[in-house]
Amino acid sequence: MLRKRDTGLKRVEARAESGEPDAQFDLGLMYSTGQQVQQDYINAHKWFNLAALNGSDRARMEREELAEIMSAAEIAEAQRLAREWKHSH
């Protein structure tokens, strides 16, 4: 069972890393809810931000909701990570 979950996560990560907005949204959702990964709002915001930049309205809404419970420092870190990812791809 764990192996199947791992494979699903790896597949979503690979698609997100390749720039696919739906996968970026899915990965953001996984991080925001702690599904198959440790809950991490900074990484969730990062992936929602990248998906939003690629045209995902769902990601924009999720990012806004998530930002309401994050500190300014956490949001700044998430934005920095998104910028770094964007520059490296």
PDB file of N, CA and C in Angstrom:
ATOM      1  N   MET A   1       0.825  -1.192   0.000  1.00  0.00           N
ATOM      2  CA  MET A   1       0.000   0.000   0.000  1.00  0.00           C
ATOM      3  C   MET A   1       0.871   1.258   0.000  1.00  0.00           C
ATOM      4  N   LEU A   2       1.871   1.312   0.872  1.00  0.00           N
ATOM      5  CA  LEU A   2       2.752   2.472   0.931  1.00  0.00           C
ATOM      6  C   LEU A   2       3.467   2.659  -0.403  1.00  0.00           C
ATOM      7  N   ARG A   3       3.857   1.562  -1.010  1.00  0.00           N
ATOM      8  CA  ARG A   3       4.553   1.649  -2.291  1.00  0.00           C
ATOM      9  C   ARG A   3       3.653   2.287  -3.359  1.00  0.00           C
ATOM     10  N   LYS A   4       2.379   1.912  -3.378  1.00  0.00           N
ATOM     11  CA  LYS A   4       1.445   2.488  -4.342  1.00  0.00           C
ATOM     12  C   LYS A   4       1.300   3.988  -4.111  1.00  0.00           C
ATOM     13  N   ARG A   5       1.181   4.395  -2.852  1.00  0.00           N
ATOM     14  CA  ARG A   5       1.082   5.815  -2.520  1.00  0.00           C
ATOM     15  C   ARG A   5       2.336   6.556  -2.963  1.00  0.00           C
ATOM     16  N   ASP A   6       3.481   5.971  -2.667  1.00  0.00           N
ATOM     17  CA  ASP A   6       4.747   6.572  -3.065  1.00  0.00           C
ATOM     18  C   ASP A   6       4.797   6.806  -4.565  1.00  0.00           C
ATOM     19  N   THR A   7       4.372   5.798  -5.312  1.00  0.00           N
ATOM     20  CA  THR A   7       4.372   5.892  -6.759  1.00  0.00           C
ATOM     21  C   THR A   7       3.453   7.013  -7.216  1.00  0.00           C
ATOM     22  N   GLY A   8       2.268   7.141  -6.615  1.00  0.00           N
ATOM     23  CA  GLY A   8       1.349   8.210  -6.970  1.00  0.00           C
ATOM     24  C   GLY A   8       1.954   9.570  -6.701  1.00  0.00           C
ATOM     25  N   LEU A   9       2.583   9.721  -5.559  1.00  0.00           N
ATOM     26  CA  LEU A   9       3.228  10.972  -5.199  1.00  0.00           C
ATOM     27  C   LEU A   9       4.354  11.288  -6.181  1.00  0.00           C
ATOM     28  N   LYS A  10       5.162  10.299  -6.471  1.00  0.00           N
ATOM     29  CA  LYS A  10       6.284  10.506  -7.403  1.00  0.00           C
ATOM     30  C   LYS A  10       5.778  10.944  -8.776  1.00  0.00           C
ATOM     31  N   ARG A  11       4.688  10.356  -9.201  1.00  0.00           N
ATOM     32  CA  ARG A  11       4.119  10.693 -10.512  1.00  0.00           C
ATOM     33  C   ARG A  11       3.616  12.144 -10.518  1.00  0.00           C
ATOM     34  N   VAL A  12       2.917  12.545  -9.456  1.00  0.00           N
ATOM     35  CA  VAL A  12       2.417  13.924  -9.366  1.00  0.00           C
ATOM     36  C   VAL A  12       3.586  14.896  -9.289  1.00  0.00           C
ATOM     37  N   GLU A  13       4.593  14.564  -8.496  1.00  0.00           N
ATOM     38  CA  GLU A  13       5.774  15.430  -8.389  1.00  0.00           C
ATOM     39  C   GLU A  13       6.455  15.610  -9.738  1.00  0.00           C
ATOM     40  N   ALA A  14       6.619  14.519 -10.473  1.00  0.00           N
ATOM     41  CA  ALA A  14       7.287  14.588 -11.781  1.00  0.00           C
ATOM     42  C   ALA A  14       6.495  15.461 -12.748  1.00  0.00           C
ATOM     43  N   ARG A  15       5.183  15.320 -12.747  1.00  0.00           N
ATOM     44  CA  ARG A  15       4.342  16.133 -13.635  1.00  0.00           C
ATOM     45  C   ARG A  15       4.371  17.595 -13.208  1.00  0.00           C
ATOM     46  N   ALA A  16       4.357  17.844 -11.898  1.00  0.00           N
ATOM     47  CA  ALA A  16       4.418  19.221 -11.398  1.00  0.00           C
ATOM     48  C   ALA A  16       5.750  19.860 -11.761  1.00  0.00           C
ATOM     49  N   GLU A  17       6.821  19.112 -11.586  1.00  0.00           N
ATOM     50  CA  GLU A  17       8.153  19.621 -11.924  1.00  0.00           C
ATOM     51  C   GLU A  17       8.288  19.920 -13.411  1.00  0.00           C
ATOM     52  N   SER A  18       7.526  19.206 -14.238  1.00  0.00           N
ATOM     53  CA  SER A  18       7.592  19.447 -15.686  1.00  0.00           C
ATOM     54  C   SER A  18       6.766  20.670 -16.086  1.00  0.00           C
ATOM     55  N   GLY A  19       6.047  21.260 -15.121  1.00  0.00           N
ATOM     56  CA  GLY A  19       5.314  22.493 -15.389  1.00  0.00           C
ATOM     57  C   GLY A  19       3.836  22.324 -15.660  1.00  0.00           C
ATOM     58  N   GLU A  20       3.293  21.145 -15.418  1.00  0.00           N
ATOM     59  CA  GLU A  20       1.877  20.890 -15.676  1.00  0.00           C
ATOM     60  C   GLU A  20       1.014  21.529 -14.580  1.00  0.00           C
ATOM     61  N   PRO A  21       0.191  22.528 -14.920  1.00  0.00           N
ATOM     62  CA  PRO A  21      -0.586  23.252 -13.909  1.00  0.00           C
ATOM     63  C   PRO A  21      -1.508  22.375 -13.059  1.00  0.00           C
ATOM     64  N   ASP A  22      -2.158  21.376 -13.668  1.00  0.00           N
ATOM     65  CA  ASP A  22      -3.050  20.514 -12.881  1.00  0.00           C
ATOM     66  C   ASP A  22      -2.268  19.729 -11.837  1.00  0.00           C
ATOM     67  N   ALA A  23      -1.091  19.263 -12.208  1.00  0.00           N
ATOM     68  CA  ALA A  23      -0.259  18.522 -11.262  1.00  0.00           C
ATOM     69  C   ALA A  23       0.293  19.460 -10.193  1.00  0.00           C
ATOM     70  N   GLN A  24       0.629  20.685 -10.569  1.00  0.00           N
ATOM     71  CA  GLN A  24       1.093  21.663  -9.585  1.00  0.00           C
ATOM     72  C   GLN A  24      -0.017  21.953  -8.577  1.00  0.00           C
ATOM     73  N   PHE A  25      -1.244  22.086  -9.072  1.00  0.00           N
ATOM     74  CA  PHE A  25      -2.387  22.275  -8.182  1.00  0.00           C
ATOM     75  C   PHE A  25      -2.535  21.069  -7.262  1.00  0.00           C
ATOM     76  N   ASP A  26      -2.493  19.862  -7.836  1.00  0.00           N
ATOM     77  CA  ASP A  26      -2.644  18.641  -7.036  1.00  0.00           C
ATOM     78  C   ASP A  26      -1.575  18.546  -5.958  1.00  0.00           C
ATOM     79  N   LEU A  27      -0.341  18.895  -6.303  1.00  0.00           N
ATOM     80  CA  LEU A  27       0.740  18.830  -5.326  1.00  0.00           C
ATOM     81  C   LEU A  27       0.521  19.876  -4.229  1.00  0.00           C
ATOM     82  N   GLY A  28       0.074  21.064  -4.601  1.00  0.00           N
ATOM     83  CA  GLY A  28      -0.263  22.074  -3.604  1.00  0.00           C
ATOM     84  C   GLY A  28      -1.343  21.585  -2.664  1.00  0.00           C
ATOM     85  N   LEU A  29      -2.350  20.926  -3.211  1.00  0.00           N
ATOM     86  CA  LEU A  29      -3.430  20.382  -2.395  1.00  0.00           C
ATOM     87  C   LEU A  29      -2.917  19.300  -1.455  1.00  0.00           C
ATOM     88  N   MET A  30      -2.029  18.465  -1.949  1.00  0.00           N
ATOM     89  CA  MET A  30      -1.454  17.411  -1.117  1.00  0.00           C
ATOM     90  C   MET A  30      -0.700  18.012   0.062  1.00  0.00           C
ATOM     91  N   TYR A  31       0.119  19.036  -0.208  1.00  0.00           N
ATOM     92  CA  TYR A  31       0.868  19.675   0.874  1.00  0.00           C
ATOM     93  C   TYR A  31      -0.052  20.431   1.831  1.00  0.00           C
ATOM     94  N   SER A  32      -1.093  21.053   1.324  1.00  0.00           N
ATOM     95  CA  SER A  32      -1.964  21.833   2.205  1.00  0.00           C
ATOM     96  C   SER A  32      -2.791  20.945   3.133  1.00  0.00           C
ATOM     97  N   THR A  33      -3.090  19.738   2.687  1.00  0.00           N
ATOM     98  CA  THR A  33      -3.916  18.833   3.499  1.00  0.00           C
ATOM     99  C   THR A  33      -3.118  17.739   4.198  1.00  0.00           C
ATOM    100  N   GLY A  34      -1.859  17.584   3.822  1.00  0.00           N
ATOM    101  CA  GLY A  34      -1.046  16.518   4.405  1.00  0.00           C
ATOM    102  C   GLY A  34      -1.378  15.153   3.829  1.00  0.00           C
ATOM    103  N   GLN A  35      -1.865  15.115   2.605  1.00  0.00           N
ATOM    104  CA  GLN A  35      -2.215  13.860   1.945  1.00  0.00           C
ATOM    105  C   GLN A  35      -0.988  13.282   1.249  1.00  0.00           C
ATOM    106  N   GLN A  36      -0.504  12.155   1.724  1.00  0.00           N
ATOM    107  CA  GLN A  36       0.665  11.433   1.211  1.00  0.00           C
ATOM    108  C   GLN A  36       1.986  12.150   1.461  1.00  0.00           C
ATOM    109  N   VAL A  37       1.947  13.334   2.062  1.00  0.00           N
ATOM    110  CA  VAL A  37       3.145  14.088   2.432  1.00  0.00           C
ATOM    111  C   VAL A  37       2.888  14.736   3.786  1.00  0.00           C
ATOM    112  N   GLN A  38       3.944  15.186   4.426  1.00  0.00           N
ATOM    113  CA  GLN A  38       3.765  15.936   5.660  1.00  0.00           C
ATOM    114  C   GLN A  38       3.171  17.297   5.299  1.00  0.00           C
ATOM    115  N   GLN A  39       2.163  17.721   6.046  1.00  0.00           N
ATOM    116  CA  GLN A  39       1.534  19.010   5.774  1.00  0.00           C
ATOM    117  C   GLN A  39       2.575  20.116   5.822  1.00  0.00           C
ATOM    118  N   ASP A  40       2.567  20.957   4.794  1.00  0.00           N
ATOM    119  CA  ASP A  40       3.580  22.007   4.652  1.00  0.00           C
ATOM    120  C   ASP A  40       2.960  23.163   3.882  1.00  0.00           C
ATOM    121  N   TYR A  41       2.528  24.193   4.603  1.00  0.00           N
ATOM    122  CA  TYR A  41       1.844  25.317   3.967  1.00  0.00           C
ATOM    123  C   TYR A  41       2.751  26.104   3.031  1.00  0.00           C
ATOM    124  N   ILE A  42       4.030  26.170   3.344  1.00  0.00           N
ATOM    125  CA  ILE A  42       4.951  26.912   2.479  1.00  0.00           C
ATOM    126  C   ILE A  42       5.048  26.238   1.112  1.00  0.00           C
ATOM    127  N   ASN A  43       5.240  24.936   1.100  1.00  0.00           N
ATOM    128  CA  ASN A  43       5.303  24.228  -0.182  1.00  0.00           C
ATOM    129  C   ASN A  43       3.949  24.213  -0.878  1.00  0.00           C
ATOM    130  N   ALA A  44       2.872  24.138  -0.113  1.00  0.00           N
ATOM    131  CA  ALA A  44       1.539  24.199  -0.719  1.00  0.00           C
ATOM    132  C   ALA A  44       1.357  25.529  -1.436  1.00  0.00           C
ATOM    133  N   HIS A  45       1.697  26.630  -0.765  1.00  0.00           N
ATOM    134  CA  HIS A  45       1.561  27.956  -1.358  1.00  0.00           C
ATOM    135  C   HIS A  45       2.437  28.074  -2.597  1.00  0.00           C
ATOM    136  N   LYS A  46       3.653  27.544  -2.522  1.00  0.00           N
ATOM    137  CA  LYS A  46       4.567  27.565  -3.678  1.00  0.00           C
ATOM    138  C   LYS A  46       3.920  26.905  -4.889  1.00  0.00           C
ATOM    139  N   TRP A  47       3.385  25.699  -4.715  1.00  0.00           N
ATOM    140  CA  TRP A  47       2.818  24.969  -5.852  1.00  0.00           C
ATOM    141  C   TRP A  47       1.521  25.608  -6.331  1.00  0.00           C
ATOM    142  N   PHE A  48       0.708  26.124  -5.412  1.00  0.00           N
ATOM    143  CA  PHE A  48      -0.494  26.853  -5.838  1.00  0.00           C
ATOM    144  C   PHE A  48      -0.101  28.098  -6.632  1.00  0.00           C
ATOM    145  N   ASN A  49       0.940  28.783  -6.181  1.00  0.00           N
ATOM    146  CA  ASN A  49       1.404  29.978  -6.871  1.00  0.00           C
ATOM    147  C   ASN A  49       1.852  29.640  -8.291  1.00  0.00           C
ATOM    148  N   LEU A  50       2.618  28.588  -8.443  1.00  0.00           N
ATOM    149  CA  LEU A  50       3.095  28.189  -9.771  1.00  0.00           C
ATOM    150  C   LEU A  50       1.926  27.773 -10.670  1.00  0.00           C
ATOM    151  N   ALA A  51       0.983  27.031 -10.114  1.00  0.00           N
ATOM    152  CA  ALA A  51      -0.190  26.634 -10.902  1.00  0.00           C
ATOM    153  C   ALA A  51      -1.004  27.859 -11.310  1.00  0.00           C
ATOM    154  N   ALA A  52      -1.132  28.815 -10.388  1.00  0.00           N
ATOM    155  CA  ALA A  52      -1.868  30.052 -10.699  1.00  0.00           C
ATOM    156  C   ALA A  52      -1.169  30.825 -11.812  1.00  0.00           C
ATOM    157  N   LEU A  53       0.144  30.891 -11.760  1.00  0.00           N
ATOM    158  CA  LEU A  53       0.901  31.563 -12.813  1.00  0.00           C
ATOM    159  C   LEU A  53       0.712  30.887 -14.164  1.00  0.00           C
ATOM    160  N   ASN A  54       0.393  29.598 -14.127  1.00  0.00           N
ATOM    161  CA  ASN A  54       0.149  28.841 -15.355  1.00  0.00           C
ATOM    162  C   ASN A  54      -1.334  28.794 -15.715  1.00  0.00           C
ATOM    163  N   GLY A  55      -2.138  29.669 -15.077  1.00  0.00           N
ATOM    164  CA  GLY A  55      -3.528  29.824 -15.486  1.00  0.00           C
ATOM    165  C   GLY A  55      -4.586  29.109 -14.670  1.00  0.00           C
ATOM    166  N   SER A  56      -4.228  28.482 -13.570  1.00  0.00           N
ATOM    167  CA  SER A  56      -5.212  27.748 -12.773  1.00  0.00           C
ATOM    168  C   SER A  56      -5.970  28.680 -11.825  1.00  0.00           C
ATOM    169  N   ASP A  57      -7.259  28.873 -12.103  1.00  0.00           N
ATOM    170  CA  ASP A  57      -8.098  29.687 -11.215  1.00  0.00           C
ATOM    171  C   ASP A  57      -8.308  28.996  -9.867  1.00  0.00           C
ATOM    172  N   ARG A  58      -8.417  27.667  -9.892  1.00  0.00           N
ATOM    173  CA  ARG A  58      -8.577  26.916  -8.630  1.00  0.00           C
ATOM    174  C   ARG A  58      -7.389  27.175  -7.719  1.00  0.00           C
ATOM    175  N   ALA A  59      -6.195  27.204  -8.301  1.00  0.00           N
ATOM    176  CA  ALA A  59      -4.978  27.421  -7.512  1.00  0.00           C
ATOM    177  C   ALA A  59      -4.960  28.828  -6.921  1.00  0.00           C
ATOM    178  N   ARG A  60      -5.434  29.806  -7.674  1.00  0.00           N
ATOM    179  CA  ARG A  60      -5.503  31.179  -7.147  1.00  0.00           C
ATOM    180  C   ARG A  60      -6.383  31.231  -5.902  1.00  0.00           C
ATOM    181  N   MET A  61      -7.528  30.574  -5.981  1.00  0.00           N
ATOM    182  CA  MET A  61      -8.453  30.575  -4.841  1.00  0.00           C
ATOM    183  C   MET A  61      -7.853  29.852  -3.631  1.00  0.00           C
ATOM    184  N   GLU A  62      -7.260  28.700  -3.864  1.00  0.00           N
ATOM    185  CA  GLU A  62      -6.645  27.943  -2.767  1.00  0.00           C
ATOM    186  C   GLU A  62      -5.491  28.720  -2.143  1.00  0.00           C
ATOM    187  N   ARG A  63      -4.687  29.374  -2.987  1.00  0.00           N
ATOM    188  CA  ARG A  63      -3.551  30.168  -2.504  1.00  0.00           C
ATOM    189  C   ARG A  63      -4.047  31.300  -1.616  1.00  0.00           C
ATOM    190  N   GLU A  64      -5.104  31.980  -2.023  1.00  0.00           N
ATOM    191  CA  GLU A  64      -5.662  33.075  -1.226  1.00  0.00           C
ATOM    192  C   GLU A  64      -6.164  32.585   0.127  1.00  0.00           C
ATOM    193  N   GLU A  65      -6.874  31.460   0.124  1.00  0.00           N
ATOM    194  CA  GLU A  65      -7.382  30.902   1.375  1.00  0.00           C
ATOM    195  C   GLU A  65      -6.230  30.485   2.293  1.00  0.00           C
ATOM    196  N   LEU A  66      -5.229  29.874   1.728  1.00  0.00           N
ATOM    197  CA  LEU A  66      -4.082  29.419   2.501  1.00  0.00           C
ATOM    198  C   LEU A  66      -3.325  30.603   3.090  1.00  0.00           C
ATOM    199  N   ALA A  67      -3.186  31.670   2.314  1.00  0.00           N
ATOM    200  CA  ALA A  67      -2.456  32.854   2.779  1.00  0.00           C
ATOM    201  C   ALA A  67      -3.095  33.472   4.021  1.00  0.00           C
ATOM    202  N   GLU A  68      -4.394  33.265   4.200  1.00  0.00           N
ATOM    203  CA  GLU A  68      -5.085  33.820   5.366  1.00  0.00           C
ATOM    204  C   GLU A  68      -4.613  33.205   6.681  1.00  0.00           C
ATOM    205  N   ILE A  69      -4.074  31.992   6.616  1.00  0.00           N
ATOM    206  CA  ILE A  69      -3.628  31.330   7.850  1.00  0.00           C
ATOM    207  C   ILE A  69      -2.105  31.259   7.965  1.00  0.00           C
ATOM    208  N   MET A  70      -1.408  31.853   6.989  1.00  0.00           N
ATOM    209  CA  MET A  70       0.060  31.854   6.999  1.00  0.00           C
ATOM    210  C   MET A  70       0.576  33.201   7.487  1.00  0.00           C
ATOM    211  N   SER A  71       1.779  33.181   8.034  1.00  0.00           N
ATOM    212  CA  SER A  71       2.421  34.437   8.435  1.00  0.00           C
ATOM    213  C   SER A  71       3.019  35.108   7.201  1.00  0.00           C
ATOM    214  N   ALA A  72       3.319  36.387   7.322  1.00  0.00           N
ATOM    215  CA  ALA A  72       3.950  37.122   6.224  1.00  0.00           C
ATOM    216  C   ALA A  72       5.293  36.489   5.865  1.00  0.00           C
ATOM    217  N   ALA A  73       6.032  36.027   6.860  1.00  0.00           N
ATOM    218  CA  ALA A  73       7.332  35.395   6.614  1.00  0.00           C
ATOM    219  C   ALA A  73       7.168  34.082   5.846  1.00  0.00           C
ATOM    220  N   GLU A  74       6.135  33.302   6.174  1.00  0.00           N
ATOM    221  CA  GLU A  74       5.889  32.041   5.468  1.00  0.00           C
ATOM    222  C   GLU A  74       5.510  32.302   4.010  1.00  0.00           C
ATOM    223  N   ILE A  75       4.671  33.312   3.792  1.00  0.00           N
ATOM    224  CA  ILE A  75       4.272  33.655   2.418  1.00  0.00           C
ATOM    225  C   ILE A  75       5.480  34.124   1.617  1.00  0.00           C
ATOM    226  N   ALA A  76       6.311  34.943   2.224  1.00  0.00           N
ATOM    227  CA  ALA A  76       7.519  35.428   1.553  1.00  0.00           C
ATOM    228  C   ALA A  76       8.432  34.265   1.172  1.00  0.00           C
ATOM    229  N   GLU A  77       8.576  33.297   2.064  1.00  0.00           N
ATOM    230  CA  GLU A  77       9.402  32.121   1.782  1.00  0.00           C
ATOM    231  C   GLU A  77       8.811  31.311   0.634  1.00  0.00           C
ATOM    232  N   ALA A  78       7.502  31.122   0.637  1.00  0.00           N
ATOM    233  CA  ALA A  78       6.836  30.379  -0.438  1.00  0.00           C
ATOM    234  C   ALA A  78       7.020  31.089  -1.774  1.00  0.00           C
ATOM    235  N   GLN A  79       6.905  32.400  -1.779  1.00  0.00           N
ATOM    236  CA  GLN A  79       7.091  33.169  -3.006  1.00  0.00           C
ATOM    237  C   GLN A  79       8.534  33.083  -3.499  1.00  0.00           C
ATOM    238  N   ARG A  80       9.476  33.108  -2.566  1.00  0.00           N
ATOM    239  CA  ARG A  80      10.887  32.970  -2.936  1.00  0.00           C
ATOM    240  C   ARG A  80      11.132  31.610  -3.589  1.00  0.00           C
ATOM    241  N   LEU A  81      10.574  30.557  -2.990  1.00  0.00           N
ATOM    242  CA  LEU A  81      10.745  29.212  -3.545  1.00  0.00           C
ATOM    243  C   LEU A  81      10.124  29.101  -4.935  1.00  0.00           C
ATOM    244  N   ALA A  82       8.965  29.727  -5.132  1.00  0.00           N
ATOM    245  CA  ALA A  82       8.314  29.695  -6.441  1.00  0.00           C
ATOM    246  C   ALA A  82       9.153  30.421  -7.486  1.00  0.00           C
ATOM    247  N   ARG A  83       9.716  31.579  -7.090  1.00  0.00           N
ATOM    248  CA  ARG A  83      10.584  32.324  -8.017  1.00  0.00           C
ATOM    249  C   ARG A  83      11.811  31.504  -8.390  1.00  0.00           C
ATOM    250  N   GLU A  84      12.425  30.866  -7.387  1.00  0.00           N
ATOM    251  CA  GLU A  84      13.609  30.033  -7.661  1.00  0.00           C
ATOM    252  C   GLU A  84      13.258  28.891  -8.596  1.00  0.00           C
ATOM    253  N   TRP A  85      12.110  28.258  -8.357  1.00  0.00           N
ATOM    254  CA  TRP A  85      11.695  27.153  -9.215  1.00  0.00           C
ATOM    255  C   TRP A  85      11.501  27.651 -10.637  1.00  0.00           C
ATOM    256  N   LYS A  86      10.831  28.786 -10.777  1.00  0.00           N
ATOM    257  CA  LYS A  86      10.534  29.351 -12.097  1.00  0.00           C
ATOM    258  C   LYS A  86      11.834  29.668 -12.845  1.00  0.00           C
ATOM    259  N   HIS A  87      12.810  30.220 -12.146  1.00  0.00           N
ATOM    260  CA  HIS A  87      14.085  30.568 -12.793  1.00  0.00           C
ATOM    261  C   HIS A  87      14.896  29.333 -13.175  1.00  0.00           C
ATOM    262  N   SER A  88      14.685  28.239 -12.496  1.00  0.00           N
ATOM    263  CA  SER A  88      15.462  27.023 -12.794  1.00  0.00           C
ATOM    264  C   SER A  88      14.803  26.140 -13.851  1.00  0.00           C
ATOM    265  N   HIS A  89      13.603  26.509 -14.287  1.00  0.00           N
ATOM    266  CA  HIS A  89      12.890  25.668 -15.281  1.00  0.00           C
ATOM    267  C   HIS A  89      12.635  26.405 -16.544  1.00  0.00           C
TER     268      HIS A  89
END
